[in-house]
PDB file of N, CA and C in Angstrom:
ATOM      1  N   MET A   1      12.846  -3.582   5.298  1.00  0.00           N
ATOM      2  CA  MET A   1      13.431  -3.627   3.973  1.00  0.00           C
ATOM      3  C   MET A   1      13.003  -2.364   3.222  1.00  0.00           C
ATOM      4  N   THR A   2      13.937  -1.703   2.609  1.00  0.00           N
ATOM      5  CA  THR A   2      13.650  -0.476   1.869  1.00  0.00           C
ATOM      6  C   THR A   2      13.496  -0.788   0.375  1.00  0.00           C
ATOM      7  N   LYS A   3      13.098   0.234  -0.365  1.00  0.00           N
ATOM      8  CA  LYS A   3      12.955   0.074  -1.813  1.00  0.00           C
ATOM      9  C   LYS A   3      14.306  -0.282  -2.432  1.00  0.00           C
ATOM     10  N   ALA A   4      15.375   0.343  -1.959  1.00  0.00           N
ATOM     11  CA  ALA A   4      16.711   0.049  -2.479  1.00  0.00           C
ATOM     12  C   ALA A   4      17.095  -1.407  -2.207  1.00  0.00           C
ATOM     13  N   ASP A   5      16.724  -1.928  -1.029  1.00  0.00           N
ATOM     14  CA  ASP A   5      17.001  -3.325  -0.711  1.00  0.00           C
ATOM     15  C   ASP A   5      16.238  -4.264  -1.640  1.00  0.00           C
ATOM     16  N   ILE A   6      15.001  -3.928  -1.932  1.00  0.00           N
ATOM     17  CA  ILE A   6      14.198  -4.735  -2.853  1.00  0.00           C
ATOM     18  C   ILE A   6      14.837  -4.745  -4.234  1.00  0.00           C
ATOM     19  N   VAL A   7      15.264  -3.570  -4.695  1.00  0.00           N
ATOM     20  CA  VAL A   7      15.894  -3.470  -6.015  1.00  0.00           C
ATOM     21  C   VAL A   7      17.163  -4.314  -6.057  1.00  0.00           C
ATOM     22  N   LYS A   8      17.994  -4.251  -5.032  1.00  0.00           N
ATOM     23  CA  LYS A   8      19.225  -5.057  -4.985  1.00  0.00           C
ATOM     24  C   LYS A   8      18.905  -6.545  -5.022  1.00  0.00           C
ATOM     25  N   GLU A   9      17.914  -6.958  -4.227  1.00  0.00           N
ATOM     26  CA  GLU A   9      17.539  -8.374  -4.143  1.00  0.00           C
ATOM     27  C   GLU A   9      17.038  -8.888  -5.495  1.00  0.00           C
ATOM     28  N   VAL A  10      16.147  -8.142  -6.135  1.00  0.00           N
ATOM     29  CA  VAL A  10      15.603  -8.562  -7.433  1.00  0.00           C
ATOM     30  C   VAL A  10      16.694  -8.549  -8.488  1.00  0.00           C
ATOM     31  N   SER A  11      17.533  -7.538  -8.457  1.00  0.00           N
ATOM     32  CA  SER A  11      18.627  -7.443  -9.420  1.00  0.00           C
ATOM     33  C   SER A  11      19.579  -8.627  -9.279  1.00  0.00           C
ATOM     34  N   LYS A  12      19.885  -8.982  -8.042  1.00  0.00           N
ATOM     35  CA  LYS A  12      20.801 -10.099  -7.786  1.00  0.00           C
ATOM     36  C   LYS A  12      20.187 -11.434  -8.216  1.00  0.00           C
ATOM     37  N   SER A  13      18.893 -11.622  -7.927  1.00  0.00           N
ATOM     38  CA  SER A  13      18.268 -12.915  -8.230  1.00  0.00           C
ATOM     39  C   SER A  13      17.922 -13.091  -9.706  1.00  0.00           C
ATOM     40  N   THR A  14      17.716 -11.992 -10.423  1.00  0.00           N
ATOM     41  CA  THR A  14      17.344 -12.102 -11.838  1.00  0.00           C
ATOM     42  C   THR A  14      18.485 -11.807 -12.800  1.00  0.00           C
ATOM     43  N   GLY A  15      19.516 -11.098 -12.325  1.00  0.00           N
ATOM     44  CA  GLY A  15      20.623 -10.738 -13.204  1.00  0.00           C
ATOM     45  C   GLY A  15      20.345  -9.503 -14.043  1.00  0.00           C
ATOM     46  N   ILE A  16      19.258  -8.815 -13.771  1.00  0.00           N
ATOM     47  CA  ILE A  16      18.902  -7.589 -14.492  1.00  0.00           C
ATOM     48  C   ILE A  16      19.558  -6.410 -13.782  1.00  0.00           C
ATOM     49  N   GLU A  17      19.967  -5.396 -14.548  1.00  0.00           N
ATOM     50  CA  GLU A  17      20.622  -4.225 -13.969  1.00  0.00           C
ATOM     51  C   GLU A  17      19.731  -3.557 -12.926  1.00  0.00           C
ATOM     52  N   ALA A  18      20.357  -3.002 -11.901  1.00  0.00           N
ATOM     53  CA  ALA A  18      19.628  -2.352 -10.816  1.00  0.00           C
ATOM     54  C   ALA A  18      18.835  -1.140 -11.308  1.00  0.00           C
ATOM     55  N   THR A  19      19.365  -0.422 -12.301  1.00  0.00           N
ATOM     56  CA  THR A  19      18.643   0.754 -12.810  1.00  0.00           C
ATOM     57  C   THR A  19      17.346   0.343 -13.503  1.00  0.00           C
ATOM     58  N   THR A  20      17.379  -0.765 -14.206  1.00  0.00           N
ATOM     59  CA  THR A  20      16.183  -1.274 -14.878  1.00  0.00           C
ATOM     60  C   THR A  20      15.165  -1.752 -13.854  1.00  0.00           C
ATOM     61  N   VAL A  21      15.639  -2.461 -12.850  1.00  0.00           N
ATOM     62  CA  VAL A  21      14.749  -2.951 -11.797  1.00  0.00           C
ATOM     63  C   VAL A  21      14.117  -1.765 -11.058  1.00  0.00           C
ATOM     64  N   MET A  22      14.900  -0.717 -10.782  1.00  0.00           N
ATOM     65  CA  MET A  22      14.384   0.468 -10.107  1.00  0.00           C
ATOM     66  C   MET A  22      13.281   1.117 -10.935  1.00  0.00           C
ATOM     67  N   ALA A  23      13.463   1.188 -12.245  1.00  0.00           N
ATOM     68  CA  ALA A  23      12.443   1.763 -13.121  1.00  0.00           C
ATOM     69  C   ALA A  23      11.162   0.939 -13.078  1.00  0.00           C
ATOM     70  N   VAL A  24      11.287  -0.376 -13.044  1.00  0.00           N
ATOM     71  CA  VAL A  24      10.117  -1.255 -12.976  1.00  0.00           C
ATOM     72  C   VAL A  24       9.402  -1.096 -11.640  1.00  0.00           C
ATOM     73  N   VAL A  25      10.159  -1.054 -10.548  1.00  0.00           N
ATOM     74  CA  VAL A  25       9.557  -0.884  -9.220  1.00  0.00           C
ATOM     75  C   VAL A  25       8.843   0.459  -9.134  1.00  0.00           C
ATOM     76  N   GLU A  26       9.486   1.518  -9.623  1.00  0.00           N
ATOM     77  CA  GLU A  26       8.866   2.850  -9.620  1.00  0.00           C
ATOM     78  C   GLU A  26       7.596   2.851 -10.472  1.00  0.00           C
ATOM     79  N   GLY A  27       7.645   2.188 -11.630  1.00  0.00           N
ATOM     80  CA  GLY A  27       6.474   2.096 -12.496  1.00  0.00           C
ATOM     81  C   GLY A  27       5.335   1.334 -11.841  1.00  0.00           C
ATOM     82  N   PHE A  28       5.673   0.247 -11.150  1.00  0.00           N
ATOM     83  CA  PHE A  28       4.664  -0.535 -10.433  1.00  0.00           C
ATOM     84  C   PHE A  28       3.992   0.312  -9.364  1.00  0.00           C
ATOM     85  N   MET A  29       4.806   1.005  -8.577  1.00  0.00           N
ATOM     86  CA  MET A  29       4.249   1.828  -7.505  1.00  0.00           C
ATOM     87  C   MET A  29       3.386   2.952  -8.066  1.00  0.00           C
ATOM     88  N   ALA A  30       3.792   3.556  -9.153  1.00  0.00           N
ATOM     89  CA  ALA A  30       3.004   4.621  -9.777  1.00  0.00           C
ATOM     90  C   ALA A  30       1.670   4.077 -10.297  1.00  0.00           C
ATOM     91  N   ALA A  31       1.689   2.876 -10.869  1.00  0.00           N
ATOM     92  CA  ALA A  31       0.461   2.272 -11.377  1.00  0.00           C
ATOM     93  C   ALA A  31      -0.506   1.956 -10.248  1.00  0.00           C
ATOM     94  N   VAL A  32       0.000   1.445  -9.129  1.00  0.00           N
ATOM     95  CA  VAL A  32      -0.854   1.135  -7.977  1.00  0.00           C
ATOM     96  C   VAL A  32      -1.455   2.423  -7.416  1.00  0.00           C
ATOM     97  N   LYS A  33      -0.629   3.454  -7.236  1.00  0.00           N
ATOM     98  CA  LYS A  33      -1.115   4.736  -6.708  1.00  0.00           C
ATOM     99  C   LYS A  33      -2.183   5.331  -7.623  1.00  0.00           C
ATOM    100  N   SER A  34      -1.927   5.298  -8.906  1.00  0.00           N
ATOM    101  CA  SER A  34      -2.862   5.860  -9.880  1.00  0.00           C
ATOM    102  C   SER A  34      -4.195   5.119  -9.842  1.00  0.00           C
ATOM    103  N   SER A  35      -4.138   3.810  -9.776  1.00  0.00           N
ATOM    104  CA  SER A  35      -5.352   3.000  -9.741  1.00  0.00           C
ATOM    105  C   SER A  35      -6.152   3.269  -8.474  1.00  0.00           C
ATOM    106  N   LEU A  36      -5.479   3.318  -7.333  1.00  0.00           N
ATOM    107  CA  LEU A  36      -6.171   3.575  -6.067  1.00  0.00           C
ATOM    108  C   LEU A  36      -6.744   4.987  -6.023  1.00  0.00           C
ATOM    109  N   ALA A  37      -6.065   5.943  -6.638  1.00  0.00           N
ATOM    110  CA  ALA A  37      -6.570   7.316  -6.683  1.00  0.00           C
ATOM    111  C   ALA A  37      -7.871   7.398  -7.475  1.00  0.00           C
ATOM    112  N   LYS A  38      -8.052   6.476  -8.419  1.00  0.00           N
ATOM    113  CA  LYS A  38      -9.285   6.421  -9.224  1.00  0.00           C
ATOM    114  C   LYS A  38     -10.333   5.498  -8.603  1.00  0.00           C
ATOM    115  N   ASP A  39     -10.126   5.073  -7.355  1.00  0.00           N
ATOM    116  CA  ASP A  39     -11.019   4.166  -6.631  1.00  0.00           C
ATOM    117  C   ASP A  39     -11.085   2.770  -7.230  1.00  0.00           C
ATOM    118  N   ASN A  40     -10.038   2.347  -7.902  1.00  0.00           N
ATOM    119  CA  ASN A  40      -9.961   0.991  -8.451  1.00  0.00           C
ATOM    120  C   ASN A  40      -9.034   0.160  -7.572  1.00  0.00           C
ATOM    121  N   ASN A  41      -9.464  -1.023  -7.190  1.00  0.00           N
ATOM    122  CA  ASN A  41      -8.631  -1.926  -6.409  1.00  0.00           C
ATOM    123  C   ASN A  41      -7.603  -2.601  -7.309  1.00  0.00           C
ATOM    124  N   VAL A  42      -6.492  -3.033  -6.716  1.00  0.00           N
ATOM    125  CA  VAL A  42      -5.436  -3.727  -7.452  1.00  0.00           C
ATOM    126  C   VAL A  42      -5.323  -5.137  -6.866  1.00  0.00           C
ATOM    127  N   TYR A  43      -5.561  -6.148  -7.701  1.00  0.00           N
ATOM    128  CA  TYR A  43      -5.535  -7.543  -7.271  1.00  0.00           C
ATOM    129  C   TYR A  43      -4.291  -8.224  -7.817  1.00  0.00           C
ATOM    130  N   LEU A  44      -3.440  -8.737  -6.925  1.00  0.00           N
ATOM    131  CA  LEU A  44      -2.239  -9.466  -7.326  1.00  0.00           C
ATOM    132  C   LEU A  44      -2.379 -10.898  -6.815  1.00  0.00           C
ATOM    133  N   ARG A  45      -2.750 -11.798  -7.704  1.00  0.00           N
ATOM    134  CA  ARG A  45      -2.987 -13.192  -7.334  1.00  0.00           C
ATOM    135  C   ARG A  45      -1.728 -13.783  -6.707  1.00  0.00           C
ATOM    136  N   GLY A  46      -1.890 -14.426  -5.571  1.00  0.00           N
ATOM    137  CA  GLY A  46      -0.774 -15.030  -4.866  1.00  0.00           C
ATOM    138  C   GLY A  46      -0.027 -14.063  -3.971  1.00  0.00           C
ATOM    139  N   PHE A  47      -0.451 -12.790  -3.934  1.00  0.00           N
ATOM    140  CA  PHE A  47       0.214 -11.805  -3.088  1.00  0.00           C
ATOM    141  C   PHE A  47      -0.783 -11.086  -2.188  1.00  0.00           C
ATOM    142  N   GLY A  48      -1.759 -10.405  -2.796  1.00  0.00           N
ATOM    143  CA  GLY A  48      -2.760  -9.707  -1.998  1.00  0.00           C
ATOM    144  C   GLY A  48      -3.505  -8.671  -2.811  1.00  0.00           C
ATOM    145  N   THR A  49      -4.278  -7.848  -2.106  1.00  0.00           N
ATOM    146  CA  THR A  49      -5.117  -6.845  -2.738  1.00  0.00           C
ATOM    147  C   THR A  49      -4.884  -5.484  -2.107  1.00  0.00           C
ATOM    148  N   PHE A  50      -4.647  -4.498  -2.949  1.00  0.00           N
ATOM    149  CA  PHE A  50      -4.597  -3.112  -2.506  1.00  0.00           C
ATOM    150  C   PHE A  50      -6.000  -2.558  -2.718  1.00  0.00           C
ATOM    151  N   GLU A  51      -6.631  -2.056  -1.647  1.00  0.00           N
ATOM    152  CA  GLU A  51      -8.011  -1.583  -1.727  1.00  0.00           C
ATOM    153  C   GLU A  51      -8.116  -0.150  -1.226  1.00  0.00           C
ATOM    154  N   VAL A  52      -9.212   0.504  -1.618  1.00  0.00           N
ATOM    155  CA  VAL A  52      -9.565   1.808  -1.079  1.00  0.00           C
ATOM    156  C   VAL A  52     -10.792   1.590  -0.215  1.00  0.00           C
ATOM    157  N   LYS A  53     -10.677   1.937   1.074  1.00  0.00           N
ATOM    158  CA  LYS A  53     -11.806   1.794   1.988  1.00  0.00           C
ATOM    159  C   LYS A  53     -12.254   3.172   2.447  1.00  0.00           C
ATOM    160  N   THR A  54     -13.540   3.282   2.728  1.00  0.00           N
ATOM    161  CA  THR A  54     -14.091   4.540   3.213  1.00  0.00           C
ATOM    162  C   THR A  54     -14.276   4.451   4.716  1.00  0.00           C
ATOM    163  N   ARG A  55     -13.665   5.384   5.422  1.00  0.00           N
ATOM    164  CA  ARG A  55     -13.833   5.471   6.870  1.00  0.00           C
ATOM    165  C   ARG A  55     -15.010   6.394   7.163  1.00  0.00           C
ATOM    166  N   ALA A  56     -15.887   5.973   8.026  1.00  0.00           N
ATOM    167  CA  ALA A  56     -17.075   6.754   8.357  1.00  0.00           C
ATOM    168  C   ALA A  56     -16.699   7.982   9.183  1.00  0.00           C
ATOM    169  N   GLN A  57     -17.591   8.952   9.175  1.00  0.00           N
ATOM    170  CA  GLN A  57     -17.405  10.145   9.996  1.00  0.00           C
ATOM    171  C   GLN A  57     -17.428   9.743  11.467  1.00  0.00           C
ATOM    172  N   LYS A  58     -16.582  10.387  12.267  1.00  0.00           N
ATOM    173  CA  LYS A  58     -16.573  10.062  13.687  1.00  0.00           C
ATOM    174  C   LYS A  58     -16.248  11.303  14.515  1.00  0.00           C
ATOM    175  N   THR A  59     -16.539  11.211  15.790  1.00  0.00           N
ATOM    176  CA  THR A  59     -16.260  12.294  16.718  1.00  0.00           C
ATOM    177  C   THR A  59     -15.033  11.927  17.533  1.00  0.00           C
ATOM    178  N   ALA A  60     -14.089  12.853  17.612  1.00  0.00           N
ATOM    179  CA  ALA A  60     -12.875  12.637  18.385  1.00  0.00           C
ATOM    180  C   ALA A  60     -12.759  13.732  19.439  1.00  0.00           C
ATOM    181  N   ARG A  61     -11.844  13.555  20.382  1.00  0.00           N
ATOM    182  CA  ARG A  61     -11.676  14.548  21.445  1.00  0.00           C
ATOM    183  C   ARG A  61     -10.281  15.153  21.368  1.00  0.00           C
ATOM    184  N   ASN A  62     -10.230  16.481  21.507  1.00  0.00           N
ATOM    185  CA  ASN A  62      -8.970  17.191  21.656  1.00  0.00           C
ATOM    186  C   ASN A  62      -8.760  17.347  23.152  1.00  0.00           C
ATOM    187  N   ILE A  63      -7.896  16.547  23.719  1.00  0.00           N
ATOM    188  CA  ILE A  63      -7.730  16.493  25.172  1.00  0.00           C
ATOM    189  C   ILE A  63      -7.169  17.803  25.727  1.00  0.00           C
ATOM    190  N   THR A  64      -6.252  18.436  24.998  1.00  0.00           N
ATOM    191  CA  THR A  64      -5.631  19.651  25.522  1.00  0.00           C
ATOM    192  C   THR A  64      -6.617  20.809  25.651  1.00  0.00           C
ATOM    193  N   ARG A  65      -7.566  20.899  24.734  1.00  0.00           N
ATOM    194  CA  ARG A  65      -8.554  21.988  24.776  1.00  0.00           C
ATOM    195  C   ARG A  65      -9.901  21.536  25.341  1.00  0.00           C
ATOM    196  N   ASN A  66     -10.024  20.243  25.603  1.00  0.00           N
ATOM    197  CA  ASN A  66     -11.266  19.660  26.113  1.00  0.00           C
ATOM    198  C   ASN A  66     -12.456  19.968  25.194  1.00  0.00           C
ATOM    199  N   THR A  67     -12.244  19.743  23.901  1.00  0.00           N
ATOM    200  CA  THR A  67     -13.298  19.970  22.917  1.00  0.00           C
ATOM    201  C   THR A  67     -13.475  18.728  22.063  1.00  0.00           C
ATOM    202  N   THR A  68     -14.601  18.657  21.359  1.00  0.00           N
ATOM    203  CA  THR A  68     -14.832  17.562  20.424  1.00  0.00           C
ATOM    204  C   THR A  68     -14.550  18.049  19.018  1.00  0.00           C
ATOM    205  N   VAL A  69     -14.057  17.156  18.225  1.00  0.00           N
ATOM    206  CA  VAL A  69     -13.726  17.455  16.838  1.00  0.00           C
ATOM    207  C   VAL A  69     -14.411  16.419  15.965  1.00  0.00           C
ATOM    208  N   ILE A  70     -15.039  16.867  14.889  1.00  0.00           N
ATOM    209  CA  ILE A  70     -15.673  15.951  13.938  1.00  0.00           C
ATOM    210  C   ILE A  70     -14.649  15.622  12.851  1.00  0.00           C
ATOM    211  N   ILE A  71     -14.375  14.349  12.700  1.00  0.00           N
ATOM    212  CA  ILE A  71     -13.497  13.899  11.621  1.00  0.00           C
ATOM    213  C   ILE A  71     -14.408  13.431  10.485  1.00  0.00           C
ATOM    214  N   PRO A  72     -14.349  14.095   9.332  1.00  0.00           N
ATOM    215  CA  PRO A  72     -15.274  13.747   8.250  1.00  0.00           C
ATOM    216  C   PRO A  72     -14.956  12.384   7.633  1.00  0.00           C
ATOM    217  N   GLU A  73     -15.918  11.866   6.886  1.00  0.00           N
ATOM    218  CA  GLU A  73     -15.726  10.617   6.152  1.00  0.00           C
ATOM    219  C   GLU A  73     -14.569  10.805   5.183  1.00  0.00           C
ATOM    220  N   HIS A  74     -13.702   9.799   5.093  1.00  0.00           N
ATOM    221  CA  HIS A  74     -12.561   9.897   4.186  1.00  0.00           C
ATOM    222  C   HIS A  74     -12.146   8.509   3.715  1.00  0.00           C
ATOM    223  N   LYS A  75     -11.360   8.491   2.652  1.00  0.00           N
ATOM    224  CA  LYS A  75     -10.905   7.229   2.063  1.00  0.00           C
ATOM    225  C   LYS A  75      -9.456   6.979   2.453  1.00  0.00           C
ATOM    226  N   VAL A  76      -9.134   5.710   2.666  1.00  0.00           N
ATOM    227  CA  VAL A  76      -7.776   5.314   3.009  1.00  0.00           C
ATOM    228  C   VAL A  76      -7.362   4.091   2.187  1.00  0.00           C
ATOM    229  N   PRO A  77      -6.097   4.040   1.770  1.00  0.00           N
ATOM    230  CA  PRO A  77      -5.616   2.844   1.069  1.00  0.00           C
ATOM    231  C   PRO A  77      -5.297   1.755   2.089  1.00  0.00           C
ATOM    232  N   THR A  78      -5.618   0.514   1.740  1.00  0.00           N
ATOM    233  CA  THR A  78      -5.330  -0.618   2.607  1.00  0.00           C
ATOM    234  C   THR A  78      -4.736  -1.757   1.791  1.00  0.00           C
ATOM    235  N   PHE A  79      -4.101  -2.693   2.488  1.00  0.00           N
ATOM    236  CA  PHE A  79      -3.566  -3.888   1.834  1.00  0.00           C
ATOM    237  C   PHE A  79      -4.091  -5.103   2.560  1.00  0.00           C
ATOM    238  N   LYS A  80      -4.617  -6.054   1.812  1.00  0.00           N
ATOM    239  CA  LYS A  80      -5.124  -7.296   2.373  1.00  0.00           C
ATOM    240  C   LYS A  80      -4.326  -8.444   1.752  1.00  0.00           C
ATOM    241  N   PRO A  81      -3.457  -9.104   2.532  1.00  0.00           N
ATOM    242  CA  PRO A  81      -2.661 -10.196   1.971  1.00  0.00           C
ATOM    243  C   PRO A  81      -3.508 -11.433   1.695  1.00  0.00           C
ATOM    244  N   CYS A  82      -3.066 -12.237   0.730  1.00  0.00           N
ATOM    245  CA  CYS A  82      -3.781 -13.480   0.420  1.00  0.00           C
ATOM    246  C   CYS A  82      -3.505 -14.509   1.513  1.00  0.00           C
ATOM    247  N   ALA A  83      -4.256 -15.570   1.525  1.00  0.00           N
ATOM    248  CA  ALA A  83      -4.147 -16.600   2.562  1.00  0.00           C
ATOM    249  C   ALA A  83      -2.755 -17.230   2.585  1.00  0.00           C
ATOM    250  N   GLU A  84      -2.187 -17.489   1.415  1.00  0.00           N
ATOM    251  CA  GLU A  84      -0.855 -18.092   1.331  1.00  0.00           C
ATOM    252  C   GLU A  84       0.196 -17.169   1.958  1.00  0.00           C
ATOM    253  N   PHE A  85       0.085 -15.879   1.679  1.00  0.00           N
ATOM    254  CA  PHE A  85       0.989 -14.872   2.225  1.00  0.00           C
ATOM    255  C   PHE A  85       0.871 -14.845   3.758  1.00  0.00           C
ATOM    256  N   LYS A  86      -0.351 -14.852   4.254  1.00  0.00           N
ATOM    257  CA  LYS A  86      -0.581 -14.835   5.707  1.00  0.00           C
ATOM    258  C   LYS A  86       0.057 -16.043   6.379  1.00  0.00           C
ATOM    259  N   SER A  87      -0.107 -17.210   5.759  1.00  0.00           N
ATOM    260  CA  SER A  87       0.423 -18.429   6.366  1.00  0.00           C
ATOM    261  C   SER A  87       1.953 -18.429   6.377  1.00  0.00           C
ATOM    262  N   GLN A  88       2.583 -17.811   5.395  1.00  0.00           N
ATOM    263  CA  GLN A  88       4.047 -17.742   5.367  1.00  0.00           C
ATOM    264  C   GLN A  88       4.577 -16.815   6.451  1.00  0.00           C
ATOM    265  N   VAL A  89       3.824 -15.762   6.760  1.00  0.00           N
ATOM    266  CA  VAL A  89       4.264 -14.804   7.769  1.00  0.00           C
ATOM    267  C   VAL A  89       4.085 -15.368   9.175  1.00  0.00           C
ATOM    268  N   LYS A  90       3.048 -16.176   9.382  1.00  0.00           N
ATOM    269  CA  LYS A  90       2.767 -16.724  10.720  1.00  0.00           C
ATOM    270  C   LYS A  90       3.833 -17.634  11.188  1.00  0.00           C
TER     271      LYS A  90
END
């Protein structure tokens, strides 16, 4: 499902114009990105949690050159669905 599909679905189910729904979806995504960029988690009760996790430094191998490469510690965004969400998907 794409962002456009989500906008169509919400617009159809709520009766709100697609342009308004698109603005809300874009605003939501911008707010989540902004919050995660500041290392703040986003908690949506009944849906899940967007978190920032820190990946530890690790050693990897470049097979073509037969060398080792150090991958430094870095942060990655993650999503953890709530229990209700998990049970619906199963």
